[in-house]
N, C-alpha and C. Protein backbone atom coordinates (compact mmCIF):
# COMPACT_ATOMS: atom_id res chain seq x y z
N MET A 1 -142.84 -171.61 61.94
CA MET A 1 -141.40 -171.02 61.06
C MET A 1 -140.81 -173.29 61.68
N SER A 2 -139.76 -173.55 60.79
CA SER A 2 -139.98 -175.22 61.48
C SER A 2 -138.65 -174.43 62.29
N LYS A 3 -138.07 -176.11 63.21
CA LYS A 3 -137.04 -175.64 63.28
C LYS A 3 -135.77 -174.86 62.82
N LEU A 4 -135.71 -175.79 61.86
CA LEU A 4 -134.26 -176.29 60.68
C LEU A 4 -134.48 -174.77 60.18
N GLU A 5 -134.97 -173.99 59.44
CA GLU A 5 -135.92 -173.15 58.81
C GLU A 5 -135.54 -171.65 60.35
N SER A 6 -135.58 -172.06 61.46
CA SER A 6 -134.90 -170.85 62.46
C SER A 6 -133.88 -170.65 62.61
N ILE A 7 -132.54 -172.00 62.00
CA ILE A 7 -131.34 -172.14 62.57
C ILE A 7 -130.37 -171.60 61.26
N ILE A 8 -131.35 -172.30 60.20
CA ILE A 8 -130.28 -171.75 59.10
C ILE A 8 -130.82 -170.16 59.41
N ARG A 9 -131.91 -169.59 59.21
CA ARG A 9 -132.42 -167.88 59.74
C ARG A 9 -130.83 -167.72 60.24
N GLU A 10 -130.82 -167.90 61.90
CA GLU A 10 -129.82 -167.43 62.51
C GLU A 10 -128.25 -168.14 61.93
N LEU A 11 -128.30 -168.46 61.58
CA LEU A 11 -126.71 -169.44 60.40
C LEU A 11 -126.67 -167.85 60.13
N LYS A 12 -127.69 -167.58 58.93
CA LYS A 12 -127.58 -166.90 58.45
C LYS A 12 -127.08 -165.19 58.18
N ASN A 13 -128.01 -164.91 59.41
CA ASN A 13 -127.87 -163.30 59.90
C ASN A 13 -126.38 -162.95 61.28
N ASP A 14 -125.83 -164.59 61.73
CA ASP A 14 -124.67 -164.55 62.43
C ASP A 14 -123.73 -163.68 62.31
N ILE A 15 -123.20 -162.23 62.98
CA ILE A 15 -122.94 -162.15 61.89
C ILE A 15 -121.10 -162.25 62.35
N ARG A 16 -120.63 -162.91 63.61
CA ARG A 16 -119.30 -164.17 63.97
C ARG A 16 -119.33 -164.82 62.15
N LEU A 17 -120.12 -165.69 61.27
CA LEU A 17 -120.57 -166.62 60.59
C LEU A 17 -120.11 -165.66 59.33
N THR A 18 -120.60 -163.77 59.41
CA THR A 18 -120.26 -163.26 58.30
C THR A 18 -118.63 -162.69 58.59
N LYS A 19 -117.61 -162.93 59.10
CA LYS A 19 -116.34 -162.70 59.51
C LYS A 19 -116.06 -163.38 59.43
N VAL A 20 -116.50 -165.42 58.61
CA VAL A 20 -115.71 -165.74 58.06
C VAL A 20 -114.50 -165.12 57.81
N LYS A 21 -115.62 -164.83 56.40
CA LYS A 21 -115.02 -165.06 54.30
C LYS A 21 -113.71 -164.20 54.78
N GLY A 22 -113.91 -163.14 56.06
CA GLY A 22 -112.18 -162.47 55.53
C GLY A 22 -110.75 -163.82 56.22
N ILE A 23 -111.06 -164.31 56.79
CA ILE A 23 -109.86 -165.48 56.96
C ILE A 23 -109.88 -166.58 55.88
N THR A 24 -111.14 -166.88 55.17
CA THR A 24 -109.61 -167.49 53.49
C THR A 24 -108.98 -166.04 52.70
N SER A 25 -109.26 -164.99 53.40
CA SER A 25 -108.17 -164.34 52.57
C SER A 25 -106.43 -164.88 53.40
N ILE A 26 -107.04 -164.27 54.86
CA ILE A 26 -105.58 -164.09 54.99
C ILE A 26 -105.08 -165.76 55.63
N LEU A 27 -105.90 -166.49 55.15
CA LEU A 27 -105.59 -168.44 54.75
C LEU A 27 -104.75 -168.38 53.02
N ARG A 28 -104.55 -167.78 52.52
CA ARG A 28 -104.30 -167.50 51.19
C ARG A 28 -102.60 -167.19 51.10
N CYS A 29 -102.60 -167.66 51.90
CA CYS A 29 -100.23 -166.29 51.77
C CYS A 29 -99.93 -167.95 51.17
N LYS A 30 -98.35 -167.16 50.79
CA LYS A 30 -97.72 -167.90 50.03
C LYS A 30 -97.57 -169.05 50.00
N VAL A 31 -96.83 -169.04 51.44
CA VAL A 31 -96.39 -170.15 52.44
C VAL A 31 -97.38 -171.39 51.68
N LEU A 32 -99.64 -170.88 51.93
CA LEU A 32 -99.79 -172.43 52.70
C LEU A 32 -100.54 -171.80 51.17
N LYS A 33 -99.85 -173.22 50.42
CA LYS A 33 -100.68 -172.99 49.59
C LYS A 33 -101.56 -174.62 49.32
N GLU A 34 -101.75 -175.16 49.80
CA GLU A 34 -102.33 -176.62 50.54
C GLU A 34 -103.64 -176.19 50.31
N GLU A 35 -104.64 -176.18 50.13
CA GLU A 35 -106.09 -176.31 50.58
C GLU A 35 -106.55 -176.60 51.64
N LYS A 36 -106.18 -178.18 52.12
CA LYS A 36 -106.44 -179.08 53.28
C LYS A 36 -106.65 -177.69 54.34
N PRO A 37 -105.40 -176.92 55.17
CA PRO A 37 -105.70 -176.34 56.34
C PRO A 37 -105.83 -175.21 55.67
N LYS A 38 -107.32 -174.47 54.69
CA LYS A 38 -107.68 -173.85 54.31
C LYS A 38 -109.35 -173.70 54.95
N LYS A 39 -109.85 -175.66 54.62
CA LYS A 39 -110.07 -175.85 54.42
C LYS A 39 -111.07 -176.73 56.54
N VAL A 40 -109.21 -177.15 57.55
CA VAL A 40 -110.02 -176.79 58.17
C VAL A 40 -109.79 -175.76 59.15
N VAL A 41 -109.38 -175.24 59.29
CA VAL A 41 -109.67 -173.61 60.12
C VAL A 41 -110.23 -173.07 60.16
N LEU A 42 -111.13 -173.18 58.24
CA LEU A 42 -112.67 -172.56 57.88
C LEU A 42 -113.84 -173.91 58.98
N GLY A 43 -113.56 -175.16 58.57
CA GLY A 43 -114.29 -175.86 59.16
C GLY A 43 -114.19 -176.28 60.54
N LYS A 44 -113.16 -175.82 61.61
CA LYS A 44 -113.69 -175.82 62.52
C LYS A 44 -113.91 -174.33 63.58
N ILE A 45 -114.05 -173.61 63.02
CA ILE A 45 -114.92 -172.28 62.99
C ILE A 45 -115.69 -172.13 62.89
N ILE A 46 -117.01 -173.11 61.54
CA ILE A 46 -117.38 -172.30 61.65
C ILE A 46 -119.35 -174.04 62.55
N ASP A 47 -117.81 -175.09 62.72
CA ASP A 47 -118.56 -175.59 63.73
C ASP A 47 -118.56 -175.79 64.88
N ARG A 48 -117.61 -174.98 65.65
CA ARG A 48 -118.26 -174.48 66.52
C ARG A 48 -119.38 -174.01 66.51
N GLN A 49 -119.72 -173.02 65.64
CA GLN A 49 -120.58 -171.95 65.89
C GLN A 49 -122.06 -172.26 65.82
N VAL A 50 -121.81 -173.32 64.28
CA VAL A 50 -123.00 -174.37 63.67
C VAL A 50 -123.52 -174.72 65.79
N LYS A 51 -122.51 -174.94 66.72
CA LYS A 51 -123.02 -175.64 67.40
C LYS A 51 -123.65 -175.43 68.41
N GLU A 52 -122.87 -174.84 68.57
CA GLU A 52 -123.80 -173.84 69.54
C GLU A 52 -125.08 -173.58 69.20
N ILE A 53 -125.05 -172.91 68.12
CA ILE A 53 -127.25 -172.79 66.93
C ILE A 53 -127.30 -174.08 68.27
N PHE A 54 -127.17 -175.12 67.36
CA PHE A 54 -128.17 -176.36 67.79
C PHE A 54 -128.26 -176.79 69.16
N ASN A 55 -127.60 -176.02 69.53
CA ASN A 55 -127.87 -176.09 71.11
C ASN A 55 -129.06 -174.98 71.81
N ARG A 56 -128.85 -174.75 71.12
CA ARG A 56 -130.25 -173.70 71.58
C ARG A 56 -132.30 -173.28 71.10
N TYR A 57 -131.43 -174.71 69.99
CA TYR A 57 -132.78 -175.10 69.55
C TYR A 57 -133.11 -176.79 70.19
N GLY A 58 -131.88 -176.83 71.09
CA GLY A 58 -132.02 -177.84 71.61
C GLY A 58 -131.56 -179.41 70.82
N ILE A 59 -130.66 -179.25 70.41
CA ILE A 59 -130.29 -181.09 69.05
C ILE A 59 -129.96 -180.51 70.24
N GLU A 60 -129.10 -182.12 69.94
CA GLU A 60 -126.79 -182.28 70.03
C GLU A 60 -126.15 -182.36 69.81
N SER A 61 -125.49 -182.09 70.33
CA SER A 61 -124.59 -181.55 68.89
C SER A 61 -122.87 -181.96 69.72
N ASP A 62 -122.80 -182.93 69.35
CA ASP A 62 -121.24 -184.14 68.82
C ASP A 62 -121.69 -185.13 69.69
N VAL A 63 -122.84 -186.12 69.10
CA VAL A 63 -123.61 -187.47 69.49
C VAL A 63 -122.48 -188.32 70.46
N LEU A 64 -122.02 -188.82 69.77
CA LEU A 64 -121.46 -190.12 70.20
C LEU A 64 -122.07 -191.50 70.60
N LYS A 65 -122.10 -192.25 69.66
CA LYS A 65 -122.56 -193.23 70.14
C LYS A 65 -122.32 -194.96 69.18
N GLU A 66 -121.99 -195.26 69.71
CA GLU A 66 -121.65 -197.20 69.25
C GLU A 66 -122.05 -198.21 68.86
N ILE A 67 -122.24 -198.82 68.36
CA ILE A 67 -123.12 -199.82 67.22
C ILE A 67 -121.71 -201.29 66.96
N GLU A 68 -122.87 -202.29 67.12
CA GLU A 68 -122.31 -203.61 66.24
C GLU A 68 -122.86 -203.72 64.57
N TYR A 69 -122.31 -204.17 63.54
CA TYR A 69 -122.73 -204.15 62.93
C TYR A 69 -122.12 -205.34 62.05
N ASN A 70 -122.69 -206.65 62.11
CA ASN A 70 -121.94 -207.66 61.64
C ASN A 70 -120.65 -207.98 61.98
N GLY A 71 -120.23 -207.74 62.56
CA GLY A 71 -119.14 -208.20 63.91
C GLY A 71 -118.44 -206.83 64.06
N ILE A 72 -118.41 -206.24 63.69
CA ILE A 72 -117.81 -204.49 63.46
C ILE A 72 -118.52 -203.39 63.80
N ARG A 73 -117.92 -202.53 65.06
CA ARG A 73 -118.21 -201.91 66.66
C ARG A 73 -117.27 -201.46 65.08
N ILE A 74 -118.59 -200.41 65.36
CA ILE A 74 -118.42 -198.55 64.38
C ILE A 74 -118.96 -197.43 65.33
N SER A 75 -117.81 -196.40 65.51
CA SER A 75 -118.45 -195.10 65.85
C SER A 75 -118.05 -194.20 65.88
N LEU A 76 -120.11 -193.84 66.27
CA LEU A 76 -121.07 -192.86 65.03
C LEU A 76 -120.51 -191.31 65.31
N LEU A 77 -120.16 -190.52 64.94
CA LEU A 77 -119.71 -189.54 66.02
C LEU A 77 -120.29 -188.02 65.13
N LEU A 78 -121.87 -187.90 65.32
CA LEU A 78 -122.52 -186.77 64.98
C LEU A 78 -122.46 -185.70 65.04
N ASP A 79 -122.48 -184.27 64.14
CA ASP A 79 -122.59 -182.85 64.57
C ASP A 79 -123.97 -183.11 65.42
N GLY A 80 -124.79 -183.25 64.37
CA GLY A 80 -126.13 -183.34 65.73
C GLY A 80 -127.04 -183.44 65.62
N LEU A 81 -128.49 -184.60 66.39
CA LEU A 81 -129.54 -185.08 67.35
C LEU A 81 -130.44 -184.46 67.61
N ASP A 82 -131.85 -184.05 66.22
CA ASP A 82 -132.49 -184.28 67.74
C ASP A 82 -133.42 -185.31 67.64
N ARG A 83 -133.30 -185.10 68.59
CA ARG A 83 -134.13 -186.41 69.65
C ARG A 83 -135.37 -186.75 69.40
N GLU A 84 -136.24 -185.83 69.75
CA GLU A 84 -137.48 -185.35 69.17
C GLU A 84 -138.11 -185.96 68.35
N ASN A 85 -137.87 -185.02 66.77
CA ASN A 85 -138.14 -185.33 65.78
C ASN A 85 -137.44 -186.76 64.89
N LYS A 86 -136.39 -187.09 65.91
CA LYS A 86 -136.48 -188.80 64.43
C LYS A 86 -135.46 -187.48 63.82
N GLU A 87 -134.17 -186.94 63.52
CA GLU A 87 -133.57 -185.97 62.87
C GLU A 87 -131.86 -185.81 62.30
N VAL A 88 -131.23 -186.74 61.75
CA VAL A 88 -130.17 -186.71 62.31
C VAL A 88 -128.88 -185.08 61.64
N TYR A 89 -128.01 -184.12 61.64
CA TYR A 89 -128.07 -182.61 61.10
C TYR A 89 -126.25 -183.11 60.84
N GLU A 90 -125.76 -182.70 59.54
CA GLU A 90 -124.38 -182.49 60.03
C GLU A 90 -124.05 -182.14 58.83
N LEU A 91 -123.12 -181.33 59.77
CA LEU A 91 -122.23 -179.54 58.43
C LEU A 91 -121.14 -180.82 57.71
N LYS A 92 -120.45 -180.35 56.28
CA LYS A 92 -120.40 -179.88 55.61
C LYS A 92 -119.78 -178.51 54.69
N THR A 93 -118.44 -178.31 55.46
CA THR A 93 -118.14 -176.12 55.17
C THR A 93 -116.21 -176.89 54.10
N THR A 94 -116.96 -176.16 52.96
CA THR A 94 -116.18 -175.79 51.15
C THR A 94 -115.38 -174.66 52.03
N ILE A 95 -114.46 -174.44 50.96
CA ILE A 95 -113.48 -173.11 50.72
C ILE A 95 -114.13 -173.07 49.46
N GLY A 96 -115.26 -174.37 49.02
CA GLY A 96 -115.50 -174.03 46.51
C GLY A 96 -117.06 -174.16 46.86
N LYS A 97 -117.64 -174.40 45.47
CA LYS A 97 -118.49 -173.74 45.46
C LYS A 97 -119.55 -175.43 45.95
N ILE A 98 -120.59 -175.16 46.86
CA ILE A 98 -121.48 -175.95 47.28
C ILE A 98 -122.90 -177.62 45.88
N PRO A 99 -122.67 -178.19 46.19
CA PRO A 99 -123.13 -179.81 45.74
C PRO A 99 -124.19 -178.47 45.11
N GLU A 100 -125.25 -178.54 43.95
CA GLU A 100 -126.18 -177.98 43.36
C GLU A 100 -127.42 -179.07 43.55
N SER A 101 -126.92 -180.58 43.56
CA SER A 101 -128.09 -181.37 43.85
C SER A 101 -127.74 -182.55 44.47
N LEU A 102 -128.15 -183.45 44.93
CA LEU A 102 -128.38 -185.07 45.80
C LEU A 102 -127.22 -185.50 45.40
N ASP A 103 -127.42 -185.88 43.75
CA ASP A 103 -126.89 -186.29 43.27
C ASP A 103 -125.34 -185.87 42.77
N LYS A 104 -125.09 -184.52 43.40
CA LYS A 104 -123.30 -184.27 42.92
C LYS A 104 -123.17 -184.25 44.73
N ILE A 105 -122.88 -184.69 45.10
CA ILE A 105 -122.93 -184.93 47.03
C ILE A 105 -121.33 -185.81 47.02
N ARG A 106 -120.47 -186.07 47.42
CA ARG A 106 -119.36 -187.08 47.26
C ARG A 106 -120.52 -188.26 47.69
N LYS A 107 -120.43 -189.14 47.07
CA LYS A 107 -120.79 -190.15 47.91
C LYS A 107 -119.59 -191.09 49.23
N ILE A 108 -119.23 -190.76 50.08
CA ILE A 108 -118.37 -190.31 51.59
C ILE A 108 -119.62 -190.23 52.44
N TYR A 109 -119.33 -188.37 51.43
CA TYR A 109 -120.99 -188.04 52.62
C TYR A 109 -121.80 -188.76 52.87
N LEU A 110 -122.73 -189.53 51.57
CA LEU A 110 -123.61 -190.09 51.49
C LEU A 110 -123.99 -191.16 52.07
N LEU A 111 -122.83 -191.60 52.21
CA LEU A 111 -122.05 -193.36 52.95
C LEU A 111 -122.57 -192.68 54.49
N GLN A 112 -122.11 -191.65 54.87
CA GLN A 112 -122.17 -190.99 56.47
C GLN A 112 -123.42 -191.07 56.82
N ILE A 113 -123.74 -189.83 56.04
CA ILE A 113 -125.25 -189.98 56.52
C ILE A 113 -126.45 -191.01 56.95
N TYR A 114 -126.48 -191.84 55.83
CA TYR A 114 -126.66 -193.04 55.32
C TYR A 114 -126.63 -193.98 57.12
N VAL A 115 -125.45 -194.17 57.05
CA VAL A 115 -125.48 -194.58 58.50
C VAL A 115 -125.80 -194.17 59.49
N TYR A 116 -125.82 -193.41 59.71
CA TYR A 116 -125.45 -191.89 60.70
C TYR A 116 -127.87 -192.49 60.59
N ALA A 117 -128.32 -192.64 60.09
CA ALA A 117 -129.81 -192.11 59.69
C ALA A 117 -130.08 -193.50 60.17
N TYR A 118 -129.27 -194.66 59.24
CA TYR A 118 -130.00 -195.61 59.77
C TYR A 118 -129.61 -196.50 60.95
N PHE A 119 -128.49 -196.36 61.41
CA PHE A 119 -128.73 -197.00 62.68
C PHE A 119 -128.70 -196.50 63.97
N LEU A 120 -129.41 -194.72 63.69
CA LEU A 120 -130.41 -194.60 65.06
C LEU A 120 -131.53 -193.61 64.43
N GLU A 121 -132.18 -194.93 63.95
CA GLU A 121 -133.58 -194.80 63.55
C GLU A 121 -134.06 -193.27 63.54
N CYS A 122 -133.65 -193.35 62.28
CA CYS A 122 -133.77 -191.57 61.87
C CYS A 122 -134.58 -191.46 60.66
N TYR A 123 -135.39 -190.84 60.08
CA TYR A 123 -135.63 -191.11 58.60
C TYR A 123 -135.23 -189.91 57.91
N TYR A 124 -134.93 -188.79 58.23
CA TYR A 124 -134.32 -187.38 57.90
C TYR A 124 -132.91 -186.62 58.38
N ILE A 125 -132.62 -186.22 57.16
CA ILE A 125 -131.20 -186.15 57.46
C ILE A 125 -131.08 -184.74 56.81
N ASN A 126 -130.75 -183.39 57.34
CA ASN A 126 -130.32 -182.39 57.36
C ASN A 126 -129.52 -182.51 57.03
N LEU A 127 -128.72 -182.22 55.58
CA LEU A 127 -126.78 -182.45 55.76
C LEU A 127 -126.87 -180.68 55.35
N ILE A 128 -126.22 -179.82 56.08
CA ILE A 128 -126.40 -178.30 55.81
C ILE A 128 -124.82 -178.39 55.22
N TYR A 129 -124.84 -177.77 53.65
CA TYR A 129 -123.58 -177.13 54.13
C TYR A 129 -123.24 -175.87 53.22
N ILE A 130 -122.32 -175.08 54.26
CA ILE A 130 -122.05 -174.26 54.71
C ILE A 130 -120.74 -173.73 53.68
N ASN A 131 -120.30 -172.54 53.19
CA ASN A 131 -118.71 -171.74 52.30
C ASN A 131 -119.33 -170.20 52.75
N PRO A 132 -118.52 -169.80 52.43
CA PRO A 132 -118.26 -168.30 53.08
C PRO A 132 -119.17 -167.68 52.55
N GLU A 133 -119.23 -167.99 50.80
CA GLU A 133 -120.58 -166.87 50.17
C GLU A 133 -121.80 -167.22 51.34
N ASP A 134 -122.37 -168.47 51.73
CA ASP A 134 -123.56 -169.16 51.23
C ASP A 134 -124.08 -170.52 51.63
N ILE A 135 -125.46 -170.72 52.15
CA ILE A 135 -125.23 -171.91 52.89
C ILE A 135 -126.52 -172.54 52.60
N LYS A 136 -125.79 -174.19 52.21
CA LYS A 136 -127.85 -174.81 51.28
C LYS A 136 -127.63 -175.89 52.18
N VAL A 137 -129.40 -176.07 52.04
CA VAL A 137 -129.50 -177.46 53.54
C VAL A 137 -129.64 -178.78 52.10
N PHE A 138 -129.19 -179.81 52.60
CA PHE A 138 -130.34 -180.86 51.46
C PHE A 138 -131.19 -181.71 52.80
N ARG A 139 -132.43 -181.76 52.81
CA ARG A 139 -133.01 -182.61 53.22
C ARG A 139 -133.21 -183.52 52.78
N ILE A 140 -132.86 -184.89 54.13
CA ILE A 140 -132.35 -185.61 52.66
C ILE A 140 -133.15 -187.08 53.18
N THR A 141 -134.45 -187.81 52.60
CA THR A 141 -135.06 -189.23 53.07
C THR A 141 -133.84 -190.45 52.96
N LEU A 142 -134.00 -191.64 53.93
CA LEU A 142 -133.47 -192.36 53.86
C LEU A 142 -133.78 -193.09 53.05
N ASP A 143 -135.33 -192.91 52.00
CA ASP A 143 -135.34 -193.20 50.93
C ASP A 143 -134.83 -192.92 49.69
N ASP A 144 -135.14 -192.42 49.37
CA ASP A 144 -133.53 -191.16 49.00
C ASP A 144 -132.72 -191.23 48.74
N LEU A 145 -131.46 -191.61 50.18
CA LEU A 145 -130.31 -192.44 49.62
C LEU A 145 -130.09 -193.88 48.93
N LYS A 146 -131.83 -194.64 49.13
CA LYS A 146 -131.56 -196.04 48.98
C LYS A 146 -132.00 -196.13 47.56
N GLU A 147 -132.93 -195.17 47.11
CA GLU A 147 -132.93 -194.44 44.90
C GLU A 147 -130.93 -194.55 44.14
N LEU A 148 -130.30 -193.63 45.37
CA LEU A 148 -129.36 -193.51 45.40
C LEU A 148 -128.49 -194.73 44.81
N GLY A 149 -128.72 -195.93 45.93
CA GLY A 149 -127.91 -196.80 45.64
C GLY A 149 -126.81 -197.45 46.72
N ILE A 150 -126.79 -195.86 48.15
CA ILE A 150 -125.91 -195.46 49.03
C ILE A 150 -126.22 -197.07 50.19
N ARG A 151 -127.41 -197.29 49.99
CA ARG A 151 -128.25 -198.96 51.16
C ARG A 151 -127.28 -200.24 50.06
N GLU A 152 -126.22 -200.24 49.14
CA GLU A 152 -125.92 -201.47 48.97
C GLU A 152 -125.23 -201.24 48.50
N LEU A 153 -123.83 -199.55 48.26
CA LEU A 153 -122.91 -199.08 48.13
C LEU A 153 -122.53 -200.26 49.66
N PHE A 154 -123.64 -198.84 51.01
CA PHE A 154 -122.95 -199.28 52.22
C PHE A 154 -122.45 -201.38 52.35
N ASN A 155 -123.76 -201.75 51.72
CA ASN A 155 -123.25 -203.51 52.28
C ASN A 155 -121.58 -203.70 52.18
N LYS A 156 -122.08 -203.40 49.84
CA LYS A 156 -120.44 -203.82 50.13
C LYS A 156 -119.23 -203.05 50.04
N ILE A 157 -119.19 -202.14 50.98
CA ILE A 157 -117.85 -201.47 51.37
C ILE A 157 -117.38 -202.72 52.82
N ILE A 158 -118.97 -203.08 53.50
CA ILE A 158 -118.30 -203.71 54.76
C ILE A 158 -118.02 -205.27 54.73
N GLU A 159 -118.85 -205.31 53.38
CA GLU A 159 -118.79 -207.10 52.52
C GLU A 159 -117.08 -206.09 53.14
N ARG A 160 -116.30 -205.90 52.08
CA ARG A 160 -115.27 -205.90 51.78
C ARG A 160 -114.16 -205.67 52.57
N TYR A 161 -114.41 -204.83 53.62
CA TYR A 161 -114.11 -204.54 54.77
C TYR A 161 -113.87 -206.21 55.44
N LEU A 162 -114.86 -206.94 55.85
CA LEU A 162 -115.54 -208.32 56.55
C LEU A 162 -113.79 -208.80 55.57
N ASN A 163 -113.90 -208.72 53.98
CA ASN A 163 -113.39 -209.83 53.46
C ASN A 163 -111.43 -209.21 53.57
N ASN A 164 -111.22 -207.30 54.01
CA ASN A 164 -110.17 -207.78 54.40
C ASN A 164 -110.23 -206.89 52.43
N GLU A 165 -110.60 -206.57 52.00
CA GLU A 165 -110.08 -205.37 50.68
C GLU A 165 -110.58 -204.72 51.36
N PRO A 166 -109.92 -203.58 50.00
CA PRO A 166 -110.08 -202.59 49.92
C PRO A 166 -110.98 -202.43 49.49
N TYR A 167 -111.45 -201.17 49.35
CA TYR A 167 -112.52 -200.29 48.03
C TYR A 167 -112.61 -199.27 47.48
N TYR A 168 -112.26 -199.70 46.47
CA TYR A 168 -111.37 -198.73 45.42
C TYR A 168 -112.32 -198.08 44.61
N GLU A 169 -113.97 -198.41 44.35
CA GLU A 169 -114.02 -197.73 43.94
C GLU A 169 -114.38 -195.55 44.23
N LEU A 170 -114.19 -196.07 45.69
CA LEU A 170 -114.54 -193.99 46.56
C LEU A 170 -112.87 -193.77 46.39
N CYS A 171 -111.96 -193.69 45.43
CA CYS A 171 -110.70 -193.48 45.11
C CYS A 171 -110.62 -192.38 44.96
N SER A 172 -111.86 -191.96 43.32
CA SER A 172 -111.71 -191.33 43.35
C SER A 172 -112.63 -190.21 43.66
N GLU A 173 -112.30 -190.05 45.08
CA GLU A 173 -112.86 -188.33 46.03
C GLU A 173 -112.84 -188.32 47.14
N CYS A 174 -110.88 -189.15 47.29
CA CYS A 174 -109.51 -188.78 48.10
C CYS A 174 -109.36 -188.18 47.94
N TYR A 175 -108.62 -187.71 49.04
CA TYR A 175 -108.01 -186.15 49.51
C TYR A 175 -106.56 -187.21 48.37
N PHE A 176 -105.76 -188.40 48.74
CA PHE A 176 -104.42 -188.08 48.81
C PHE A 176 -104.64 -189.11 47.47
N ARG A 177 -105.82 -189.38 46.41
CA ARG A 177 -105.68 -190.16 45.25
C ARG A 177 -104.32 -189.64 44.57
N ARG A 178 -103.48 -188.62 43.97
CA ARG A 178 -103.00 -188.43 43.02
C ARG A 178 -101.95 -188.90 43.88
N ASN A 179 -101.27 -188.83 44.78
CA ASN A 179 -100.83 -189.81 45.54
C ASN A 179 -100.54 -190.90 46.08
N CYS A 180 -101.09 -191.99 45.98
CA CYS A 180 -101.86 -192.36 46.88
C CYS A 180 -101.46 -194.09 45.73
N LYS A 181 -100.59 -194.73 46.79
CA LYS A 181 -99.07 -195.45 45.88
C LYS A 181 -100.45 -196.75 45.28
N GLU A 182 -101.35 -197.00 46.76
CA GLU A 182 -101.97 -198.16 46.34
C GLU A 182 -103.43 -198.46 44.84
N LYS A 183 -103.39 -196.53 44.96
CA LYS A 183 -104.78 -196.87 43.85
C LYS A 183 -103.29 -197.24 42.58
N ILE A 184 -102.19 -195.82 42.98
CA ILE A 184 -101.02 -196.31 41.25
C ILE A 184 -101.15 -197.30 40.83
N SER A 185 -100.43 -198.50 42.18
CA SER A 185 -100.50 -199.97 41.41
C SER A 185 -101.31 -200.17 40.70
N ILE A 186 -103.29 -200.32 41.78
CA ILE A 186 -103.90 -201.00 41.25
C ILE A 186 -104.64 -200.77 39.51
N PHE A 187 -104.30 -199.20 39.28
CA PHE A 187 -104.30 -199.14 37.88
C PHE A 187 -103.58 -199.32 37.11
N LYS A 188 -102.01 -199.10 37.73
CA LYS A 188 -100.77 -200.28 36.36
C LYS A 188 -101.22 -201.78 36.64
N ASN A 189 -101.78 -202.92 37.17
CA ASN A 189 -101.51 -203.77 37.23
C ASN A 189 -103.55 -204.28 35.42
N SER A 190 -104.29 -202.76 36.20
CA SER A 190 -105.79 -203.05 35.86
C SER A 190 -105.18 -202.75 34.57
N LYS A 191 -104.50 -202.07 34.12
CA LYS A 191 -103.62 -201.73 31.63
C LYS A 191 -102.25 -202.85 32.38
N GLY A 192 -102.61 -203.68 32.78
CA GLY A 192 -101.30 -204.80 32.09
C GLY A 192 -100.36 -204.70 32.13
N GLY A 193 -99.51 -203.06 33.22
CA GLY A 193 -98.43 -202.43 33.15
C GLY A 193 -97.68 -202.99 35.21
N ASP A 194 -96.70 -202.79 34.53
CA ASP A 194 -96.14 -202.80 36.06
C ASP A 194 -96.20 -201.66 37.01
């Protein structure tokens, strides 16, 4: 059994993880209407438990690395790094549905794992999605991300960053898109309105 399979088996059998289901019910109180607090609480609880399991399998957790790219200092904080096998581990928690396939994963997450793997010279990425009912692992390669155009997207974002231009193509994935004055003004200007 591989290290990844052992970790997932242990996660699924971890009794503390199964008790997390009750937390979302508790947080569905009439006072707490926003999704964000539920996601944050669920994420922090699971994050801590998963990283304990990572450590038992020799995977470093909360790895901080600073890099420089095109004159930009970038700080990377990885959920897990298996230095021996050169694999990145990234956790995503959700109270909703886990994406069904790689092309359904938010681009911002794919960008994040691409940067981690590329700059740490890791070929494999284990993107672990967890919700209260299930755990799903996407075993992704740098080649998979290149095929999806993530490398080009990263280069465009860096170019716009260097030119002090916002990158509006990711607005559709932003949690604050409904209230964002920047996006609203861009939309009005593109439609010819004021």
